Each structure stands twice: as structure tokens, then as C-alpha cells.
Amino acid sequence: MSNSAAWIQAPLQRRSLWLAGAALLLLLLLGTVAQSLRDSRNRAAALERENTSLQLAQLAHELTALSERLTERTRELAESEAALRLVQDTTVPMVN
């Protein structure tokens, strides 16, 4: 009788060890997946910040270029003959 009980207990103990090992591997796998997901999210956030910074730099560059063109165009207009005539035509002589 004790021989048959030992014969039954041995596979059950081995099965318990296999289940414990499988559970441990599953926990390790889940931990690895969670860490990988966290790393991916952190990388995505860093890339988003970098992208926003690059977009802001591009906008600043474009704004500077537009401002320089506007300044140049304003200077050209101020120096033009048509602007001079317009100012002379719209100036009302002061009467004393």
C-alpha cells in the first residue's frame, strides 16, 4: 500500500514543480512585457518632445524669414517714388 502511495505522490510532486516553474516563467514573461511596454512609452514620449521641439524651431525659423522679408519689403516701399507721392498728396498744408 505504501509503495502505491509513493508511486502516486512522485508524479504529483513533479507535476507541482512543473506548475510552479511554469507559473514562475509566466510571471517573468509578464514582468518583461510590462517593462518593455514602459520603455516603449517612455521612448514615445521622448520622441514626441523632440518632435515638438523641432517643429517649434522650424516655426521660429520661418517666422524670422517672414519678418526679414517684411522688413525688406517695407524698406523698399518707403524708398519708392509712389510712396513719396502718396505722402505728399495726403499731407494737408498747415494754415497759420
Protein backbone atom coordinates (compact mmCIF):
# COMPACT_ATOMS: atom_id res chain seq x y z
CA MET A 1 0.00 0.00 0.00
CA SER A 2 2.74 2.50 0.86
CA ASN A 3 4.52 1.58 -2.35
CA SER A 4 1.46 2.53 -4.41
CA ALA A 5 1.06 5.75 -2.39
CA ALA A 6 4.68 6.69 -3.16
CA TRP A 7 4.09 5.82 -6.80
CA ILE A 8 1.15 8.29 -6.90
CA GLN A 9 2.86 11.03 -4.86
CA ALA A 10 6.01 11.18 -7.01
CA PRO A 11 4.26 12.26 -10.25
CA LEU A 12 2.05 14.66 -8.30
CA GLN A 13 5.11 16.31 -6.77
CA ARG A 14 6.77 16.52 -10.17
CA ARG A 15 3.60 18.00 -11.60
CA SER A 16 3.51 20.60 -8.82
CA LEU A 17 7.13 21.50 -9.58
CA TRP A 18 6.32 21.87 -13.28
CA LEU A 19 3.32 24.06 -12.48
CA ALA A 20 5.40 26.19 -10.10
CA GLY A 21 8.12 26.52 -12.75
CA ALA A 22 5.58 27.41 -15.43
CA ALA A 23 3.99 29.99 -13.12
CA LEU A 24 7.42 31.50 -12.42
CA LEU A 25 8.20 31.68 -16.13
CA LEU A 26 4.83 33.28 -16.79
CA LEU A 27 5.49 35.90 -14.12
CA LEU A 28 8.91 36.61 -15.60
CA LEU A 29 7.38 36.92 -19.05
CA LEU A 30 4.68 39.29 -17.80
CA GLY A 31 7.31 41.37 -16.00
CA THR A 32 9.40 41.57 -19.15
CA VAL A 33 6.38 42.61 -21.21
CA ALA A 34 5.43 45.27 -18.65
CA GLN A 35 8.99 46.64 -18.61
CA SER A 36 9.12 46.66 -22.40
CA LEU A 37 5.81 48.50 -22.57
CA ARG A 38 7.03 51.09 -20.06
CA ASP A 39 10.25 51.57 -22.04
CA SER A 40 8.27 51.96 -25.27
CA ARG A 41 6.02 54.58 -23.71
CA ASN A 42 8.99 56.49 -22.34
CA ARG A 43 10.69 56.42 -25.74
CA ALA A 44 7.49 57.57 -27.44
CA ALA A 45 7.18 60.47 -25.00
CA ALA A 46 10.82 61.45 -25.61
CA LEU A 47 10.30 61.31 -29.38
CA GLU A 48 7.16 63.42 -29.08
CA ARG A 49 9.05 66.06 -27.07
CA GLU A 50 11.85 66.05 -29.63
CA ASN A 51 9.35 66.36 -32.48
CA THR A 52 7.61 69.28 -30.80
CA SER A 53 10.95 70.98 -30.24
CA LEU A 54 11.89 70.54 -33.89
CA GLN A 55 8.53 71.89 -35.02
CA LEU A 56 8.94 74.95 -32.79
CA ALA A 57 12.44 75.54 -34.16
CA GLN A 58 11.10 75.27 -37.72
CA LEU A 59 8.29 77.72 -36.96
CA ALA A 60 10.75 80.15 -35.39
CA HIS A 61 12.96 79.91 -38.47
CA GLU A 62 10.01 80.53 -40.80
CA LEU A 63 8.79 83.45 -38.67
CA THR A 64 12.24 85.01 -38.72
CA ALA A 65 12.42 84.64 -42.51
CA LEU A 66 8.96 86.20 -42.92
CA SER A 67 9.89 89.06 -40.63
CA GLU A 68 13.07 89.73 -42.60
CA ARG A 69 11.14 89.71 -45.89
CA LEU A 70 8.52 92.06 -44.43
CA THR A 71 11.23 94.42 -43.18
CA GLU A 72 12.92 94.42 -46.59
CA ARG A 73 9.63 94.97 -48.42
CA THR A 74 8.71 97.81 -46.05
CA ARG A 75 12.09 99.42 -46.66
CA GLU A 76 11.61 99.13 -50.44
CA LEU A 77 8.14 100.63 -50.19
CA ALA A 78 9.34 103.50 -48.01
CA GLU A 79 12.05 104.31 -50.52
CA SER A 80 9.75 104.08 -53.54
CA GLU A 81 8.62 107.05 -55.57
CA ALA A 82 4.95 106.02 -55.31
CA ALA A 83 5.08 106.14 -51.51
CA LEU A 84 6.67 109.55 -51.61
CA ARG A 85 3.92 110.88 -53.92
CA LEU A 86 1.24 109.34 -51.70
CA VAL A 87 2.64 111.05 -48.63
CA GLN A 88 2.90 114.37 -50.46
CA ASP A 89 -0.65 114.08 -51.83
CA THR A 90 -2.20 113.27 -48.46
CA THR A 91 -0.31 115.85 -46.46
CA VAL A 92 -2.55 118.82 -45.73
CA PRO A 93 -0.68 122.14 -45.66
CA MET A 94 -0.81 123.73 -42.28
CA VAL A 95 -2.58 127.07 -42.20
CA ASN A 96 -1.41 129.60 -39.62
